[in-house]
C-alpha atoms as a PDB file:
ATOM      1  CA  GLN A   1     -38.040 222.635 198.714  1.00  0.00           C
ATOM      2  CA  VAL A   2     -36.982 220.131 196.516  1.00  0.00           C
ATOM      3  CA  GLN A   3     -37.292 216.138 196.272  1.00  0.00           C
ATOM      4  CA  LEU A   4     -35.289 213.498 194.015  1.00  0.00           C
ATOM      5  CA  VAL A   5     -36.579 210.309 193.554  1.00  0.00           C
ATOM      6  CA  GLU A   6     -34.882 208.017 191.209  1.00  0.00           C
ATOM      7  CA  SER A   7     -36.465 204.734 189.528  1.00  0.00           C
ATOM      8  CA  GLY A   8     -35.703 202.153 187.050  1.00  0.00           C
ATOM      9  CA  GLY A   9     -32.656 201.377 188.120  1.00  0.00           C
ATOM     10  CA  GLY A  10     -31.889 197.292 187.238  1.00  0.00           C
ATOM     11  CA  LEU A  11     -29.632 194.553 185.530  1.00  0.00           C
ATOM     12  CA  VAL A  12     -29.038 194.041 182.060  1.00  0.00           C
ATOM     13  CA  GLN A  13     -26.913 192.582 179.494  1.00  0.00           C
ATOM     14  CA  ALA A  14     -24.370 194.470 177.419  1.00  0.00           C
ATOM     15  CA  GLY A  15     -25.428 196.651 174.842  1.00  0.00           C
ATOM     16  CA  GLY A  16     -29.123 196.313 176.562  1.00  0.00           C
ATOM     17  CA  SER A  17     -31.060 199.845 177.262  1.00  0.00           C
ATOM     18  CA  LEU A  18     -32.568 201.186 180.683  1.00  0.00           C
ATOM     19  CA  ARG A  19     -34.372 204.383 180.618  1.00  0.00           C
ATOM     20  CA  LEU A  20     -34.405 205.361 184.147  1.00  0.00           C
ATOM     21  CA  SER A  21     -36.723 208.261 185.871  1.00  0.00           C
ATOM     22  CA  CYS A  22     -36.771 211.334 188.384  1.00  0.00           C
ATOM     23  CA  ALA A  23     -39.653 212.481 189.418  1.00  0.00           C
ATOM     24  CA  ALA A  24     -39.404 216.220 191.550  1.00  0.00           C
ATOM     25  CA  SER A  25     -41.921 216.940 193.893  1.00  0.00           C
ATOM     26  CA  GLY A  26     -41.706 221.065 194.543  1.00  0.00           C
ATOM     27  CA  ARG A  27     -41.003 223.783 191.936  1.00  0.00           C
ATOM     28  CA  THR A  28     -38.672 222.512 189.717  1.00  0.00           C
ATOM     29  CA  PHE A  29     -39.384 223.676 186.824  1.00  0.00           C
ATOM     30  CA  GLY A  30     -36.586 226.424 185.090  1.00  0.00           C
ATOM     31  CA  TYR A  31     -34.349 223.895 187.535  1.00  0.00           C
ATOM     32  CA  ALA A  32     -30.913 223.155 185.800  1.00  0.00           C
ATOM     33  CA  MET A  33     -30.645 218.813 186.112  1.00  0.00           C
ATOM     34  CA  GLY A  34     -29.221 216.442 185.745  1.00  0.00           C
ATOM     35  CA  TRP A  35     -27.963 212.540 185.863  1.00  0.00           C
ATOM     36  CA  PHE A  36     -24.665 211.644 187.842  1.00  0.00           C
ATOM     37  CA  ARG A  37     -23.115 208.066 188.918  1.00  0.00           C
ATOM     38  CA  GLN A  38     -20.825 206.354 191.358  1.00  0.00           C
ATOM     39  CA  ALA A  39     -19.067 203.290 190.344  1.00  0.00           C
ATOM     40  CA  PRO A  40     -17.499 201.102 192.834  1.00  0.00           C
ATOM     41  CA  GLY A  41     -14.573 202.415 194.507  1.00  0.00           C
ATOM     42  CA  LYS A  42     -14.499 205.393 192.345  1.00  0.00           C
ATOM     43  CA  GLU A  43     -16.391 208.969 192.624  1.00  0.00           C
ATOM     44  CA  ARG A  44     -19.211 210.222 191.414  1.00  0.00           C
ATOM     45  CA  GLU A  45     -19.099 211.422 187.941  1.00  0.00           C
ATOM     46  CA  PHE A  46     -21.410 213.459 186.062  1.00  0.00           C
ATOM     47  CA  VAL A  47     -23.547 211.940 182.868  1.00  0.00           C
ATOM     48  CA  ALA A  48     -25.750 214.132 181.497  1.00  0.00           C
ATOM     49  CA  ALA A  49     -27.655 217.054 182.233  1.00  0.00           C
ATOM     50  CA  PHE A  50     -29.330 220.001 180.763  1.00  0.00           C
ATOM     51  CA  ASN A  51     -29.791 223.948 181.457  1.00  0.00           C
ATOM     52  CA  TRP A  52     -32.608 226.707 180.507  1.00  0.00           C
ATOM     53  CA  SER A  53     -31.245 229.334 177.812  1.00  0.00           C
ATOM     54  CA  GLY A  54     -34.145 232.208 177.497  1.00  0.00           C
ATOM     55  CA  TRP A  55     -32.786 232.119 173.892  1.00  0.00           C
ATOM     56  CA  SER A  56     -31.829 228.440 172.572  1.00  0.00           C
ATOM     57  CA  GLY A  57     -34.107 226.650 175.184  1.00  0.00           C
ATOM     58  CA  LEU A  58     -32.935 223.352 176.453  1.00  0.00           C
ATOM     59  CA  ILE A  59     -29.120 223.004 176.215  1.00  0.00           C
ATOM     60  CA  THR A  60     -27.526 219.758 177.567  1.00  0.00           C
ATOM     61  CA  TRP A  61     -25.009 218.090 177.757  1.00  0.00           C
ATOM     62  CA  TYR A  62     -23.049 214.502 177.947  1.00  0.00           C
ATOM     63  CA  ALA A  63     -19.662 213.370 179.183  1.00  0.00           C
ATOM     64  CA  ASP A  64     -17.933 211.946 176.752  1.00  0.00           C
ATOM     65  CA  SER A  65     -18.099 207.855 177.212  1.00  0.00           C
ATOM     66  CA  VAL A  66     -22.144 208.507 177.111  1.00  0.00           C
ATOM     67  CA  LYS A  67     -22.376 210.297 174.405  1.00  0.00           C
ATOM     68  CA  GLY A  68     -24.017 209.182 171.713  1.00  0.00           C
ATOM     69  CA  ARG A  69     -25.647 206.443 173.742  1.00  0.00           C
ATOM     70  CA  PHE A  70     -27.403 208.333 176.282  1.00  0.00           C
ATOM     71  CA  THR A  71     -30.100 210.899 176.118  1.00  0.00           C
ATOM     72  CA  ILE A  72     -31.420 213.151 179.279  1.00  0.00           C
ATOM     73  CA  SER A  73     -34.946 214.497 178.927  1.00  0.00           C
ATOM     74  CA  ARG A  74     -37.266 216.879 181.159  1.00  0.00           C
ATOM     75  CA  ASP A  75     -41.641 216.125 181.239  1.00  0.00           C
ATOM     76  CA  ASN A  76     -42.492 219.679 182.272  1.00  0.00           C
ATOM     77  CA  ALA A  77     -46.050 218.232 182.391  1.00  0.00           C
ATOM     78  CA  LYS A  78     -44.916 215.612 185.076  1.00  0.00           C
ATOM     79  CA  ASN A  79     -42.343 217.198 186.727  1.00  0.00           C
ATOM     80  CA  ALA A  80     -39.851 214.660 186.087  1.00  0.00           C
ATOM     81  CA  VAL A  81     -36.566 213.792 184.323  1.00  0.00           C
ATOM     82  CA  TYR A  82     -35.775 210.776 181.971  1.00  0.00           C
ATOM     83  CA  LEU A  83     -32.497 209.172 181.180  1.00  0.00           C
ATOM     84  CA  GLN A  84     -32.477 206.931 178.005  1.00  0.00           C
ATOM     85  CA  MET A  85     -29.255 204.979 178.272  1.00  0.00           C
ATOM     86  CA  ASN A  86     -28.617 202.722 175.154  1.00  0.00           C
ATOM     87  CA  SER A  87     -25.743 200.538 174.425  1.00  0.00           C
ATOM     88  CA  LEU A  88     -24.988 199.738 177.997  1.00  0.00           C
ATOM     89  CA  LYS A  89     -21.809 198.762 178.812  1.00  0.00           C
ATOM     90  CA  PRO A  90     -20.619 196.588 181.910  1.00  0.00           C
ATOM     91  CA  GLU A  91     -18.478 200.222 182.703  1.00  0.00           C
ATOM     92  CA  ASP A  92     -21.574 201.632 183.062  1.00  0.00           C
ATOM     93  CA  THR A  93     -22.597 199.890 186.079  1.00  0.00           C
ATOM     94  CA  ALA A  94     -23.273 202.034 188.834  1.00  0.00           C
ATOM     95  CA  VAL A  95     -25.566 204.178 191.356  1.00  0.00           C
ATOM     96  CA  TYR A  96     -27.028 206.837 188.923  1.00  0.00           C
ATOM     97  CA  TYR A  97     -28.168 209.920 190.913  1.00  0.00           C
ATOM     98  CA  CYS A  98     -30.851 212.333 189.573  1.00  0.00           C
ATOM     99  CA  ALA A  99     -29.286 216.197 191.119  1.00  0.00           C
ATOM    100  CA  ALA A 100     -31.322 219.612 190.811  1.00  0.00           C
ATOM    101  CA  ASP A 101     -30.085 223.429 191.199  1.00  0.00           C
ATOM    102  CA  THR A 102     -31.333 226.833 189.672  1.00  0.00           C
ATOM    103  CA  THR A 103     -28.018 226.890 188.280  1.00  0.00           C
ATOM    104  CA  ASP A 104     -25.633 224.387 186.213  1.00  0.00           C
ATOM    105  CA  VAL A 105     -25.148 221.092 187.743  1.00  0.00           C
ATOM    106  CA  ARG A 106     -22.678 219.679 185.935  1.00  0.00           C
ATOM    107  CA  ARG A 107     -20.638 222.179 188.867  1.00  0.00           C
ATOM    108  CA  SER A 108     -22.711 221.748 191.931  1.00  0.00           C
ATOM    109  CA  ALA A 109     -26.085 220.948 192.550  1.00  0.00           C
ATOM    110  CA  LYS A 110     -28.335 221.846 195.781  1.00  0.00           C
ATOM    111  CA  TYR A 111     -30.451 218.406 195.072  1.00  0.00           C
ATOM    112  CA  TRP A 112     -30.002 214.917 195.488  1.00  0.00           C
ATOM    113  CA  GLY A 113     -32.041 211.839 195.022  1.00  0.00           C
ATOM    114  CA  GLN A 114     -31.055 208.759 196.686  1.00  0.00           C
ATOM    115  CA  GLY A 115     -29.802 207.252 194.047  1.00  0.00           C
ATOM    116  CA  THR A 116     -30.921 203.846 191.481  1.00  0.00           C
ATOM    117  CA  GLN A 117     -28.435 200.586 190.564  1.00  0.00           C
ATOM    118  CA  VAL A 118     -27.566 200.055 188.080  1.00  0.00           C
ATOM    119  CA  THR A 119     -25.505 196.621 187.101  1.00  0.00           C
ATOM    120  CA  VAL A 120     -24.627 196.094 183.043  1.00  0.00           C
ATOM    121  CA  SER A 121     -23.759 192.278 182.711  1.00  0.00           C
ATOM    122  CA  SER A 122     -20.715 191.082 180.195  1.00  0.00           C
END
């Protein structure tokens, strides 16, 4: 069983930065993991994810809306995943969720965290 707990959300002004953390319990080594977000009145959307490739190591993907501003990373020793968010915009305001699965999480994910609120003021 995998459990995910997000933290690091908060209120920040436009142009600022936040770093979200996702602490995982259970065996997640080799898992694909990612971040999604859901703004009020909108569907949950993909933000960033990584998967493991035997040849290339870590492969990362980003939504076009965050490419160049957000960076996903993993600390195997801490069993944690991070989302560094820079140059934040008001449209980045949402609840951010961490997800994990044995396969590509961009399509589906078996495990989800409870979410952390990010609010970007203009």
